[in-house]
Amino acid sequence: MVVTISEFARHAGVTADTLRYYERRRLLSKVPRAPNGYRLYDDELTGRLRFIKSPRHVGLRLHDVKELLEVMDRGMCPCGHTATVVERRLAEIDAELGRLFAMRDQLMEMGEQTEACSEPDRPQWWFAPSHSWKGGD
């Protein structure tokens, strides 16, 4: 059964803009068009779209999914490459967690400094310009 982009998007649980975006990023192949220019989708793309959406729910990025699709499109099993992609993403997450924990520590330190505002001999605001910021931007 062939349907328009809006019908296919509704059935797939995404927006039509998402489908267009996936097509521009070459995650979905260009679909045939009707004489009026409308994209025509068939059920064959449902499985591929499901594959695109699933890894996103566990934190893989779109470029990771694209890598896996490229392996599949060459007729190969993506299992080995999946392990590489997952390990790389875990390393990225671990690095981000390290940055977040460092930021948390800095905020905790700042929060403790606010207690000094109530001391009579410290009338200045707790975040004085001399406070050294340890993070990035």
Protein backbone atom coordinates (compact mmCIF):
# COMPACT_ATOMS: atom_id res chain seq x y z
CA MET A 1 0.00 0.00 0.00
CA VAL A 2 1.37 3.41 -0.99
CA VAL A 3 0.61 6.45 1.16
CA THR A 4 1.55 10.12 1.33
CA ILE A 5 4.18 11.46 3.67
CA SER A 6 1.64 12.71 6.23
CA GLU A 7 -0.12 9.34 6.39
CA PHE A 8 3.16 7.45 6.65
CA ALA A 9 4.46 9.84 9.33
CA ARG A 10 1.29 9.47 11.38
CA HIS A 11 1.46 5.69 11.12
CA ALA A 12 5.17 5.69 12.07
CA GLY A 13 4.78 8.09 14.99
CA VAL A 14 7.02 10.81 13.58
CA THR A 15 6.42 14.09 11.82
CA ALA A 16 6.56 14.64 8.09
CA ASP A 17 9.46 17.03 8.73
CA THR A 18 11.34 14.19 10.45
CA LEU A 19 10.91 12.00 7.38
CA ARG A 20 12.13 14.80 5.11
CA TYR A 21 15.11 15.35 7.40
CA TYR A 22 15.99 11.64 7.38
CA GLU A 23 15.82 11.71 3.60
CA ARG A 24 18.12 14.75 3.41
CA ARG A 25 20.59 13.03 5.77
CA ARG A 26 20.37 9.91 3.55
CA LEU A 27 19.02 7.69 6.31
CA LEU A 28 16.01 7.02 4.10
CA SER A 29 16.41 6.67 0.38
CA LYS A 30 14.61 9.10 -1.86
CA VAL A 31 11.08 7.87 -2.32
CA PRO A 32 9.16 7.92 -5.59
CA ARG A 33 6.89 10.85 -6.24
CA ALA A 34 3.43 11.08 -7.66
CA PRO A 35 2.86 13.25 -10.76
CA ASN A 36 1.79 16.06 -8.42
CA GLY A 37 5.20 15.89 -6.63
CA TYR A 38 3.96 14.25 -3.43
CA ARG A 39 6.26 11.68 -1.87
CA LEU A 40 4.78 8.19 -1.90
CA TYR A 41 5.78 5.82 0.90
CA ASP A 42 5.23 2.09 1.07
CA ASP A 43 5.49 -0.45 3.88
CA GLU A 44 9.06 -1.38 2.94
CA LEU A 45 10.34 1.75 4.68
CA THR A 46 8.56 0.93 7.94
CA GLY A 47 11.25 -1.50 9.09
CA ARG A 48 14.05 0.90 8.23
CA LEU A 49 12.34 3.74 10.05
CA ARG A 50 11.82 1.50 13.06
CA PHE A 51 15.55 0.70 12.97
CA ILE A 52 16.39 4.43 12.86
CA LYS A 53 14.15 5.22 15.82
CA SER A 54 15.13 2.32 18.12
CA PRO A 55 18.81 3.14 18.77
CA ARG A 56 17.90 6.79 19.32
CA HIS A 57 15.87 5.78 22.37
CA VAL A 58 18.96 4.36 24.06
CA GLY A 59 21.18 7.34 23.35
CA LEU A 60 22.83 6.64 20.02
CA ARG A 61 23.14 9.69 17.84
CA LEU A 62 21.84 9.98 14.32
CA HIS A 63 25.31 9.72 12.80
CA ASP A 64 25.80 6.45 14.74
CA VAL A 65 22.58 5.08 13.29
CA LYS A 66 23.66 6.20 9.83
CA GLU A 67 26.91 4.23 10.20
CA LEU A 68 24.96 1.10 11.10
CA LEU A 69 22.58 1.59 8.17
CA GLU A 70 25.51 1.96 5.78
CA VAL A 71 26.87 -1.40 6.95
CA MET A 72 23.44 -2.99 6.50
CA ASP A 73 23.03 -1.41 3.06
CA ARG A 74 26.24 -3.15 1.96
CA GLY A 75 24.54 -6.44 2.86
CA MET A 76 26.65 -7.02 5.96
CA CYS A 77 25.55 -7.78 9.51
CA PRO A 78 26.02 -4.67 11.65
CA CYS A 79 26.71 -6.62 14.87
CA GLY A 80 30.47 -6.10 14.97
CA HIS A 81 30.20 -2.47 13.99
CA THR A 82 27.42 -1.99 16.53
CA ALA A 83 29.82 -2.95 19.32
CA THR A 84 32.28 -0.31 18.10
CA VAL A 85 29.57 2.35 17.87
CA VAL A 86 28.23 1.50 21.34
CA GLU A 87 31.70 1.57 22.92
CA ARG A 88 32.42 4.95 21.34
CA ARG A 89 29.08 6.37 22.54
CA LEU A 90 29.68 5.01 26.06
CA ALA A 91 33.04 6.81 26.12
CA GLU A 92 31.31 10.04 25.07
CA ILE A 93 28.69 9.59 27.80
CA ASP A 94 31.36 8.87 30.42
CA ALA A 95 33.24 12.04 29.41
CA GLU A 96 30.02 14.06 29.62
CA LEU A 97 29.26 12.59 33.04
CA GLY A 98 32.73 13.63 34.19
CA ARG A 99 32.05 17.20 33.04
CA LEU A 100 28.63 17.19 34.71
CA PHE A 101 30.02 15.90 38.02
CA ALA A 102 32.75 18.57 37.93
CA MET A 103 30.08 21.22 37.27
CA ARG A 104 28.00 19.81 40.13
CA ASP A 105 30.99 20.07 42.47
CA GLN A 106 31.54 23.69 41.45
CA LEU A 107 27.87 24.52 42.04
CA MET A 108 27.97 22.82 45.42
CA GLU A 109 31.01 24.92 46.32
CA MET A 110 29.22 28.09 45.20
CA GLY A 111 26.15 27.09 47.17
CA GLU A 112 28.27 26.69 50.31
CA GLN A 113 29.72 30.15 49.75
CA THR A 114 26.24 31.71 49.89
CA GLU A 115 26.14 30.89 53.61
CA ALA A 116 28.92 33.47 54.08
CA CYS A 117 26.53 36.22 52.94
CA SER A 118 24.81 36.16 56.32
CA GLU A 119 28.06 36.69 58.24
CA PRO A 120 28.39 40.29 59.47
CA ASP A 121 32.02 40.63 58.43
CA ARG A 122 31.25 39.47 54.83
CA PRO A 123 28.74 41.95 53.37
CA GLN A 124 29.74 41.30 49.75
CA TRP A 125 27.80 39.17 47.35
CA TRP A 126 28.91 35.52 47.29
CA PHE A 127 29.80 35.47 43.61
CA ALA A 128 32.36 38.24 43.61
CA PRO A 129 34.29 38.94 40.39
CA SER A 130 37.39 37.44 42.00
CA HIS A 131 35.72 34.01 42.08
CA SER A 132 37.69 31.74 39.78
CA TRP A 133 35.56 29.69 37.46
CA LYS A 134 37.06 26.24 36.90
CA GLY A 135 34.89 25.24 33.97
CA GLY A 136 34.69 26.14 30.32
CA ASP A 137 32.47 28.91 29.04
